[in-house]
Protein backbone atom coordinates (compact mmCIF):
# COMPACT_ATOMS: atom_id res chain seq x y z
CA MET A 1 -34.75 73.72 14.58
CA GLU A 2 -36.02 72.48 11.17
CA ASP A 3 -35.57 68.62 10.53
CA LYS A 4 -34.19 68.13 7.10
CA LYS A 5 -35.32 64.66 6.76
CA GLU A 6 -36.88 63.63 3.28
CA GLU A 7 -40.56 63.72 3.64
CA LYS A 8 -41.87 59.90 2.53
CA LYS A 9 -44.61 60.19 -0.14
CA PHE A 10 -47.19 57.52 -0.80
CA THR A 11 -49.66 56.48 -3.19
CA THR A 12 -52.66 54.06 -3.12
CA ILE A 13 -52.94 51.00 -5.27
CA SER A 14 -56.01 48.93 -5.44
CA ILE A 15 -55.74 44.96 -5.21
CA PRO A 16 -58.67 42.59 -5.32
CA THR A 17 -60.21 42.07 -1.68
CA ALA A 18 -59.79 38.30 -1.84
CA LEU A 19 -56.02 38.75 -2.42
CA ALA A 20 -55.81 41.40 0.37
CA GLU A 21 -57.42 38.85 2.75
CA LYS A 22 -55.03 36.13 1.74
CA ILE A 23 -52.16 38.28 2.35
CA LYS A 24 -53.48 39.49 5.82
CA LYS A 25 -53.75 35.97 7.05
CA ARG A 26 -50.23 35.19 5.47
CA ILE A 27 -48.53 37.99 7.69
CA GLU A 28 -50.32 37.20 10.94
CA GLY A 29 -47.66 36.72 13.54
CA THR A 30 -44.83 38.28 11.36
CA GLY A 31 -42.97 41.40 11.74
CA PHE A 32 -45.12 42.96 9.05
CA HIS A 33 -47.37 45.65 10.54
CA SER A 34 -49.67 46.06 7.79
CA LEU A 35 -50.65 44.71 4.42
CA SER A 36 -48.83 47.81 2.79
CA ALA A 37 -45.62 47.09 4.48
CA TYR A 38 -45.90 43.40 3.30
CA VAL A 39 -46.67 44.28 -0.35
CA THR A 40 -44.10 47.00 -0.51
CA TYR A 41 -41.36 44.42 0.81
CA VAL A 42 -42.40 41.78 -1.75
CA LEU A 43 -42.39 44.33 -4.61
CA ARG A 44 -38.81 45.63 -3.68
CA GLU A 45 -37.69 42.21 -3.63
CA LEU A 46 -39.13 41.15 -6.83
CA LEU A 47 -37.71 44.51 -8.53
CA ALA A 48 -34.31 43.85 -7.12
CA SER A 49 -34.41 40.26 -8.17
CA MET A 50 -35.42 41.25 -11.91
CA GLU A 51 -32.71 44.15 -11.96
CA GLU A 52 -30.12 41.62 -10.95
CA GLU A 53 -31.19 39.19 -13.53
CA GLU A 54 -31.26 41.84 -16.21
CA ALA A 55 -27.63 42.96 -15.38
CA SER A 56 -26.33 39.39 -15.32
CA GLU A 57 -27.86 38.80 -18.78
CA ALA A 58 -26.21 41.71 -20.49
CA LEU A 59 -23.12 40.85 -22.42
CA THR A 60 -20.09 42.89 -22.82
CA LYS A 61 -18.89 43.82 -26.27
CA GLU A 62 -15.98 41.73 -25.72
CA GLU A 63 -18.09 38.54 -24.77
CA GLU A 64 -20.35 39.18 -27.67
CA GLU A 65 -17.48 39.18 -30.09
CA LYS A 66 -16.14 35.97 -28.62
CA ILE A 67 -19.48 34.24 -29.10
CA LYS A 68 -19.63 35.66 -32.71
CA GLU A 69 -16.12 34.46 -33.42
CA ARG A 70 -17.00 30.93 -32.05
CA LEU A 71 -20.16 30.91 -34.15
CA ARG A 72 -18.01 31.72 -37.27
CA ALA A 73 -15.62 28.91 -36.60
CA LEU A 74 -18.44 26.48 -36.26
CA GLY A 75 -19.96 27.70 -39.59
CA TYR A 76 -23.09 29.37 -38.14
CA LEU A 77 -22.12 32.94 -39.37
CA ASP A 78 -20.33 34.16 -42.47
């Protein structure tokens, strides 16, 4: 029977040796089984945080219009 699980694909990324050594020391005794596992975790967390921040920064058209109305009322816009 053929397994239909999606094959995971990986790439190689180079980082400075000194940084890799610091990371290896930092993950000793943790649940991270490799440098790659830790770096993948950190990058996923960073990207998720950035995406969340970007989503919260975006204004709806309604919010933008309310801000413009308020600025007009204060004399900042014509």
